Amino acid sequence: MQFGIFTVGDVTPDPTTGRTPTEHERIKAMTAIALKAEEVGLDVFATGEHHNPPFVPSSPTTMLGWIAARTERIILSTSTTLITTNDPVKIAEDFAMLQHLADGRVDLMLGRGNTGPVYPWFGQDIRQGIPLAIDNYALLHRLWREDVVDWQGRFRTPLQGFTSTPRPLDGVPPFVWHGSIRSPEIAEQAAYYGDGFFANNIFWPKEHFKRLIGLYRERYAHYGHGSPEQAVVGLGGQVFMRRNAQDAVREFRPYFDNAPVYGHGPSLEEFTEQTPLTVGSPQQVIDKTLTFRDSFGDYQRQLFLMDHAGLPLKTVLEQLDLLGEEVVPVLRKEFAAGRSAQTADAPTHAALLARQSPQVPE
């Protein structure tokens, strides 16, 4: 099982000081966090993609390329690559290039994003969000698997005899996760291709995501990729830790109360009760994360959001020390102990190369 962190790259004032970092400071902080993630033994660093304030990660492959040059082991991924507003040809090229530079330590999560105005900025219509996701990925999937592609779809100019370069490393495309918090169509898409499904279950109660993941597992088996237990699932999570739980709650409360993503709504106590957010001791994080398997079955990737809401870099690095030293080693052991023999391994380039990705059924 893989453990890691994801960032949305928000530039948010620190409510305890009133200071807002510059874009430059935030970008450099994100790269420092990625390096720290490898240092403490995490498996994955993932960045979001946004094209509007108050976010900075508008060019994920640029950032991940920089990180790839300074790391050796950690998998570099995205927590959203906008399949709706990016040209699938450019996605194919950019991530294949990154895959070569990182010696295969690359995968990506496709999503529609959560910012409506992005669509017209890139010449698209938000009302076509689902059809765009389906059409664009159908092309991206082919571009990585066919040397010469003829294509005619609904949303871009046709392609005739087109070859995307560079070709995927070792002939193995980057592993794709399809991320969704509400759309069964995306769970269906992930199942059809035999790709991973990532449920970023950080905002809504678990019952909603149990239905979505259950649908994905059922349809994964329907399309002949394996049993429902062999489907490849990823989950989100949010944590803030101090060795003393009361210290964690006291320190994190002003950040929670003022956070753009969930502030000014339910109380911290209500939110931690109803969602995966855990604010407390490392043991409390361990205990709550282990309950995810009870709700969703065995899964392959757990990513935590830790650098948001204006938290200063020093605090985030301290959080990563706790995560890497006290939480993840226990989670690895506990998840491995109860893991079904049928459960698929977490995706890596080496594993995909060894078995070569299965073909999509006719």
Protein backbone atom coordinates (compact mmCIF):
# COMPACT_ATOMS: atom_id res chain seq x y z
CA MET A 1 0.00 0.00 0.00
CA GLN A 2 1.20 3.51 -0.82
CA PHE A 3 1.08 6.46 1.54
CA GLY A 4 1.66 10.04 0.55
CA ILE A 5 0.47 13.61 0.56
CA PHE A 6 -1.33 15.86 -1.86
CA THR A 7 -1.46 19.62 -2.09
CA VAL A 8 -3.94 22.00 -3.66
CA GLY A 9 -1.41 24.84 -3.65
CA ASP A 10 -3.62 27.46 -2.03
CA VAL A 11 -2.17 30.85 -1.07
CA THR A 12 -4.06 31.52 2.14
CA PRO A 13 -3.40 34.04 4.93
CA ASP A 14 -2.19 32.62 8.20
CA PRO A 15 -5.09 33.52 10.52
CA THR A 16 -2.81 33.61 13.55
CA THR A 17 -0.48 36.25 12.07
CA GLY A 18 -2.50 37.82 9.26
CA ARG A 19 0.40 37.30 6.86
CA THR A 20 -0.16 35.94 3.36
CA PRO A 21 2.79 34.23 1.66
CA THR A 22 3.82 35.42 -1.76
CA GLU A 23 3.27 33.16 -4.74
CA HIS A 24 7.02 32.59 -4.88
CA GLU A 25 7.11 31.57 -1.23
CA ARG A 26 4.20 29.19 -1.67
CA ILE A 27 5.70 27.52 -4.74
CA LYS A 28 9.04 27.05 -2.99
CA ALA A 29 7.23 25.72 0.09
CA MET A 30 5.46 23.10 -2.03
CA THR A 31 8.75 21.86 -3.43
CA ALA A 32 10.30 21.78 0.05
CA ILE A 33 7.33 19.72 1.24
CA ALA A 34 7.81 17.25 -1.62
CA LEU A 35 11.49 16.76 -0.74
CA LYS A 36 10.56 16.30 2.91
CA ALA A 37 7.97 13.69 1.94
CA GLU A 38 10.68 11.55 0.37
CA GLU A 39 13.01 12.16 3.31
CA VAL A 40 10.49 10.82 5.83
CA GLY A 41 9.75 7.73 3.75
CA LEU A 42 6.45 8.53 2.05
CA ASP A 43 5.63 6.91 -1.29
CA VAL A 44 3.76 9.63 -3.19
CA PHE A 45 3.71 13.40 -3.63
CA ALA A 46 0.79 14.79 -5.66
CA THR A 47 -0.01 18.34 -6.72
CA GLY A 48 -3.28 19.81 -7.90
CA GLU A 49 -3.84 21.91 -11.02
CA HIS A 50 -5.50 25.31 -10.76
CA HIS A 51 -5.57 28.35 -13.04
CA ASN A 52 -7.09 30.92 -10.72
CA PRO A 53 -6.23 32.75 -7.50
CA PRO A 54 -5.71 31.91 -4.70
CA PHE A 55 -3.90 28.87 -6.13
CA VAL A 56 -0.47 28.60 -7.73
CA PRO A 57 0.03 25.15 -9.32
CA SER A 58 -0.97 26.00 -12.89
CA SER A 59 1.83 23.87 -14.39
CA PRO A 60 2.07 20.56 -12.50
CA THR A 61 4.58 18.89 -14.81
CA THR A 62 6.97 21.82 -14.45
CA MET A 63 6.90 21.49 -10.69
CA LEU A 64 7.09 17.70 -10.74
CA GLY A 65 10.02 17.80 -13.18
CA TRP A 66 11.93 20.02 -10.72
CA ILE A 67 11.13 17.61 -7.90
CA ALA A 68 12.08 14.59 -10.02
CA ALA A 69 15.58 16.00 -10.47
CA ARG A 70 16.05 16.23 -6.70
CA THR A 71 14.51 12.95 -5.57
CA GLU A 72 15.22 9.29 -6.17
CA ARG A 73 12.34 7.19 -4.93
CA ILE A 74 9.05 9.02 -4.41
CA ILE A 75 6.25 8.67 -6.98
CA LEU A 76 5.25 11.99 -8.51
CA SER A 77 1.58 12.40 -9.27
CA THR A 78 -1.23 14.90 -9.58
CA SER A 79 -4.22 15.32 -7.36
CA THR A 80 -6.05 16.71 -10.37
CA THR A 81 -5.04 16.99 -14.00
CA LEU A 82 -7.86 18.75 -15.81
CA ILE A 83 -8.93 16.30 -18.50
CA THR A 84 -11.77 18.66 -19.47
CA THR A 85 -9.82 21.81 -20.31
CA ASN A 86 -6.37 20.46 -21.22
CA ASP A 87 -5.70 19.17 -24.70
CA PRO A 88 -5.24 15.39 -24.40
CA VAL A 89 -2.37 15.61 -26.89
CA LYS A 90 -0.50 17.95 -24.56
CA ILE A 91 -1.26 15.76 -21.53
CA ALA A 92 0.14 12.76 -23.43
CA GLU A 93 3.31 14.62 -24.34
CA ASP A 94 3.92 16.32 -21.00
CA PHE A 95 3.47 13.27 -18.81
CA ALA A 96 5.43 10.96 -21.12
CA MET A 97 8.30 13.44 -20.98
CA LEU A 98 8.05 13.62 -17.19
CA GLN A 99 7.91 9.82 -17.05
CA HIS A 100 11.27 9.61 -18.86
CA LEU A 101 12.87 12.29 -16.70
CA ALA A 102 11.69 10.61 -13.49
CA ASP A 103 12.65 7.08 -14.63
CA GLY A 104 9.04 5.94 -14.40
CA ARG A 105 8.15 7.47 -11.03
CA VAL A 106 5.05 9.13 -12.46
CA ASP A 107 1.32 8.66 -12.53
CA LEU A 108 -1.59 11.11 -12.69
CA MET A 109 -5.13 11.66 -11.49
CA LEU A 110 -7.62 12.96 -14.02
CA GLY A 111 -10.51 15.13 -12.92
CA ARG A 112 -12.87 17.88 -13.98
CA GLY A 113 -11.78 20.38 -11.32
CA ASN A 114 -13.98 22.49 -9.09
CA THR A 115 -13.72 25.94 -10.69
CA GLY A 116 -16.41 26.70 -13.24
CA PRO A 117 -14.79 29.77 -14.89
CA VAL A 118 -11.83 27.64 -16.03
CA TYR A 119 -13.92 26.13 -18.82
CA PRO A 120 -14.42 29.28 -20.92
CA TRP A 121 -10.84 30.39 -20.23
CA PHE A 122 -9.76 27.33 -22.19
CA GLY A 123 -12.51 27.47 -24.77
CA GLN A 124 -14.85 24.88 -23.28
CA ASP A 125 -18.39 24.73 -21.91
CA ILE A 126 -18.89 23.58 -18.30
CA ARG A 127 -22.20 22.01 -19.33
CA GLN A 128 -20.15 19.51 -21.33
CA GLY A 129 -17.95 18.52 -18.36
CA ILE A 130 -18.75 14.81 -18.34
CA PRO A 131 -18.71 14.36 -22.14
CA LEU A 132 -15.39 16.24 -22.27
CA ALA A 133 -13.90 13.95 -19.65
CA ILE A 134 -15.04 10.86 -21.52
CA ASP A 135 -14.08 12.01 -25.01
CA ASN A 136 -10.70 13.48 -24.06
CA TYR A 137 -9.63 10.44 -22.10
CA ALA A 138 -10.61 8.10 -24.92
CA LEU A 139 -8.09 9.99 -27.05
CA LEU A 140 -5.40 10.18 -24.34
CA HIS A 141 -5.69 6.43 -23.74
CA ARG A 142 -5.06 5.74 -27.42
CA LEU A 143 -2.23 8.25 -27.79
CA TRP A 144 -0.20 6.36 -25.19
CA ARG A 145 -0.94 2.92 -26.66
CA GLU A 146 -0.92 3.41 -30.44
CA ASP A 147 2.06 4.69 -32.38
CA VAL A 148 -0.11 6.26 -35.07
CA VAL A 149 -3.54 7.63 -34.23
CA ASP A 150 -6.44 8.73 -36.43
CA TRP A 151 -9.07 10.47 -34.35
CA GLN A 152 -12.27 12.39 -34.72
CA GLY A 153 -14.20 13.42 -31.61
CA ARG A 154 -16.61 16.08 -30.47
CA PHE A 155 -14.35 18.68 -28.90
CA ARG A 156 -11.12 19.10 -30.83
CA THR A 157 -9.87 19.11 -34.40
CA PRO A 158 -9.38 15.66 -35.97
CA LEU A 159 -6.00 13.91 -35.96
CA GLN A 160 -4.65 12.06 -38.99
CA GLY A 161 -1.61 9.84 -38.71
CA PHE A 162 -0.53 11.53 -35.47
CA THR A 163 2.24 10.19 -33.24
CA SER A 164 2.59 11.58 -29.72
CA THR A 165 6.21 12.00 -28.65
CA PRO A 166 8.02 10.92 -26.65
CA ARG A 167 6.49 7.49 -26.48
CA PRO A 168 5.79 6.19 -22.95
CA LEU A 169 8.82 4.85 -21.10
CA ASP A 170 9.38 1.14 -21.83
CA GLY A 171 6.12 1.18 -23.78
CA VAL A 172 4.15 1.43 -20.52
CA PRO A 173 1.86 4.47 -20.13
CA PRO A 174 1.72 6.27 -16.78
CA PHE A 175 -0.89 4.76 -14.48
CA VAL A 176 -4.11 6.77 -14.47
CA TRP A 177 -6.42 7.43 -11.54
CA HIS A 178 -9.82 8.92 -12.27
CA GLY A 179 -10.77 11.24 -9.42
CA SER A 180 -14.32 12.11 -8.49
CA ILE A 181 -16.31 13.15 -5.45
CA ARG A 182 -19.79 12.89 -6.91
CA SER A 183 -20.01 11.49 -10.47
CA PRO A 184 -20.89 7.84 -11.12
CA GLU A 185 -20.00 8.40 -14.78
CA ILE A 186 -16.35 8.84 -13.78
CA ALA A 187 -16.41 5.69 -11.64
CA GLU A 188 -17.80 3.90 -14.68
CA GLN A 189 -15.05 5.34 -16.87
CA ALA A 190 -12.32 4.17 -14.49
CA ALA A 191 -13.88 0.70 -14.38
CA TYR A 192 -14.21 0.43 -18.16
CA TYR A 193 -10.51 1.06 -18.75
CA GLY A 194 -9.32 -0.92 -15.74
CA ASP A 195 -7.72 2.21 -14.30
CA GLY A 196 -7.65 3.35 -10.68
CA PHE A 197 -10.44 5.27 -8.99
CA PHE A 198 -9.56 7.92 -6.42
CA ALA A 199 -12.30 9.08 -4.07
CA ASN A 200 -11.17 12.29 -2.42
CA ASN A 201 -13.45 11.71 0.51
CA ILE A 202 -12.39 14.73 2.56
CA PHE A 203 -15.62 16.73 2.59
CA TRP A 204 -18.61 14.39 2.58
CA PRO A 205 -19.78 11.53 4.83
CA LYS A 206 -18.46 8.06 4.08
CA GLU A 207 -21.83 6.64 2.99
CA HIS A 208 -21.68 8.66 -0.23
CA PHE A 209 -18.23 7.37 -1.10
CA LYS A 210 -19.09 3.79 -0.18
CA ARG A 211 -21.72 3.87 -2.93
CA LEU A 212 -19.33 5.42 -5.46
CA ILE A 213 -16.48 3.01 -4.73
CA GLY A 214 -18.89 0.08 -4.64
CA LEU A 215 -20.14 1.01 -8.11
CA TYR A 216 -16.56 1.23 -9.41
CA ARG A 217 -15.64 -2.18 -7.98
CA GLU A 218 -18.76 -3.81 -9.41
CA ARG A 219 -18.21 -2.37 -12.88
CA TYR A 220 -14.46 -3.13 -12.80
CA ALA A 221 -15.38 -6.80 -12.46
CA HIS A 222 -18.13 -6.46 -15.08
CA TYR A 223 -15.56 -5.34 -17.67
CA GLY A 224 -13.38 -8.36 -16.99
CA HIS A 225 -10.41 -6.76 -15.27
CA GLY A 226 -10.64 -8.95 -12.17
CA SER A 227 -12.73 -9.39 -9.09
CA PRO A 228 -14.23 -6.38 -7.26
CA GLU A 229 -11.55 -6.86 -4.60
CA GLN A 230 -8.83 -6.43 -7.24
CA ALA A 231 -10.01 -2.97 -8.29
CA VAL A 232 -7.50 -0.19 -7.60
CA VAL A 233 -8.80 2.38 -5.13
CA GLY A 234 -7.25 5.51 -3.63
CA LEU A 235 -8.57 7.66 -0.78
CA GLY A 236 -7.98 11.15 0.52
CA GLY A 237 -7.62 12.28 4.09
CA GLN A 238 -6.81 15.33 6.22
CA VAL A 239 -4.80 15.34 9.42
CA PHE A 240 -3.25 17.71 11.91
CA MET A 241 -1.19 16.22 14.72
CA ARG A 242 0.59 17.05 17.91
CA ARG A 243 1.71 14.49 20.42
CA ASN A 244 -0.91 15.87 22.78
CA ALA A 245 -4.37 15.82 21.18
CA GLN A 246 -5.55 18.93 23.02
CA ASP A 247 -2.57 20.88 21.69
CA ALA A 248 -3.45 19.79 18.16
CA VAL A 249 -7.07 20.95 18.48
CA ARG A 250 -6.09 24.27 20.04
CA GLU A 251 -3.43 25.00 17.39
CA PHE A 252 -5.46 23.92 14.36
CA ARG A 253 -8.80 25.49 15.27
CA PRO A 254 -8.09 29.02 13.92
CA TYR A 255 -6.86 27.51 10.64
CA PHE A 256 -9.97 25.38 10.33
CA ASP A 257 -12.34 28.19 11.25
CA ASN A 258 -10.92 30.52 8.59
CA ALA A 259 -10.02 28.06 5.82
CA PRO A 260 -11.55 28.91 2.42
CA VAL A 261 -12.22 25.23 1.73
CA TYR A 262 -14.31 24.50 4.83
CA GLY A 263 -14.23 27.42 7.22
CA HIS A 264 -17.33 29.27 8.39
CA GLY A 265 -19.40 26.10 8.20
CA PRO A 266 -19.69 23.12 10.53
CA SER A 267 -17.62 23.24 13.69
CA LEU A 268 -14.28 21.48 13.88
CA GLU A 269 -15.85 18.83 16.10
CA GLU A 270 -18.73 18.24 13.67
CA PHE A 271 -16.40 18.06 10.71
CA THR A 272 -14.04 15.56 12.33
CA GLU A 273 -17.00 13.39 13.31
CA GLN A 274 -18.54 13.33 9.83
CA THR A 275 -15.47 13.28 7.53
CA PRO A 276 -11.95 11.77 7.51
CA LEU A 277 -10.43 14.92 9.05
CA THR A 278 -8.44 13.90 12.13
CA VAL A 279 -7.07 16.51 14.53
CA GLY A 280 -5.29 14.95 17.45
CA SER A 281 -2.44 12.65 18.38
CA PRO A 282 -0.59 10.31 15.99
CA GLN A 283 -2.43 7.38 17.57
CA GLN A 284 -5.77 9.00 16.82
CA VAL A 285 -4.72 9.45 13.19
CA ILE A 286 -3.73 5.78 13.05
CA ASP A 287 -6.98 4.62 14.60
CA LYS A 288 -9.22 6.66 12.31
CA THR A 289 -7.30 5.84 9.13
CA LEU A 290 -7.55 2.13 9.87
CA THR A 291 -11.34 2.46 9.88
CA PHE A 292 -11.27 3.43 6.19
CA ARG A 293 -10.75 -0.22 5.26
CA ASP A 294 -13.88 -1.16 7.19
CA SER A 295 -15.88 1.24 5.02
CA PHE A 296 -14.24 0.82 1.62
CA GLY A 297 -12.40 -2.50 1.64
CA ASP A 298 -8.71 -3.01 0.97
CA TYR A 299 -7.27 -0.20 -1.10
CA GLN A 300 -3.96 0.80 -2.66
CA ARG A 301 -3.22 4.47 -1.99
CA GLN A 302 -3.81 6.82 0.93
CA LEU A 303 -3.01 10.51 0.42
CA PHE A 304 -3.23 13.13 3.16
CA LEU A 305 -3.81 16.87 2.76
CA MET A 306 -1.50 18.68 5.20
CA ASP A 307 -0.31 22.02 3.77
CA HIS A 308 -3.46 24.09 3.42
CA ALA A 309 -5.47 26.77 5.21
CA GLY A 310 -2.47 29.06 5.73
CA LEU A 311 -0.39 26.64 7.82
CA PRO A 312 3.23 27.84 7.85
CA LEU A 313 5.90 25.73 6.21
CA LYS A 314 7.63 24.99 9.52
CA THR A 315 4.43 23.50 10.92
CA VAL A 316 3.82 21.39 7.81
CA LEU A 317 7.34 19.97 7.96
CA GLU A 318 6.76 19.06 11.60
CA GLN A 319 3.57 17.31 10.57
CA LEU A 320 5.47 15.31 7.98
CA ASP A 321 8.00 14.20 10.58
CA LEU A 322 5.16 12.84 12.71
CA LEU A 323 3.49 11.22 9.72
CA GLY A 324 6.66 9.52 8.51
CA GLU A 325 8.08 8.51 11.87
CA GLU A 326 5.04 7.60 13.97
CA VAL A 327 2.00 7.10 11.77
CA VAL A 328 2.86 5.51 8.42
CA PRO A 329 5.07 2.69 9.79
CA VAL A 330 2.18 1.53 11.97
CA LEU A 331 -0.34 1.90 9.16
CA ARG A 332 1.84 -0.15 6.81
CA LYS A 333 2.05 -2.95 9.32
CA GLU A 334 -1.63 -2.92 10.25
CA PHE A 335 -2.96 -2.67 6.70
CA ALA A 336 -0.63 -5.46 5.55
CA ALA A 337 -1.70 -7.73 8.40
CA GLY A 338 -5.35 -7.82 7.39
CA ARG A 339 -4.93 -7.57 3.63
CA SER A 340 -6.75 -10.07 1.43
CA ALA A 341 -4.60 -12.20 -0.85
CA GLN A 342 -6.84 -11.11 -3.75
CA THR A 343 -6.09 -7.41 -3.30
CA ALA A 344 -4.12 -5.86 -6.14
CA ASP A 345 -0.76 -4.31 -5.41
CA ALA A 346 -0.37 -0.55 -5.60
CA PRO A 347 0.61 0.59 -9.09
CA THR A 348 4.25 1.28 -9.91
CA HIS A 349 6.06 1.52 -13.23
CA ALA A 350 8.05 -1.64 -12.47
CA ALA A 351 4.89 -3.61 -11.68
CA LEU A 352 3.10 -2.35 -14.79
CA LEU A 353 6.12 -3.20 -16.93
CA ALA A 354 6.24 -6.71 -15.47
CA ARG A 355 2.65 -7.51 -16.37
CA GLN A 356 2.01 -5.02 -19.20
CA SER A 357 -1.30 -3.20 -18.82
CA PRO A 358 -4.33 -5.35 -19.76
CA GLN A 359 -6.24 -4.48 -22.90
CA VAL A 360 -9.62 -2.78 -22.71
CA PRO A 361 -12.36 -5.28 -23.60
CA GLU A 362 -14.08 -4.87 -26.94
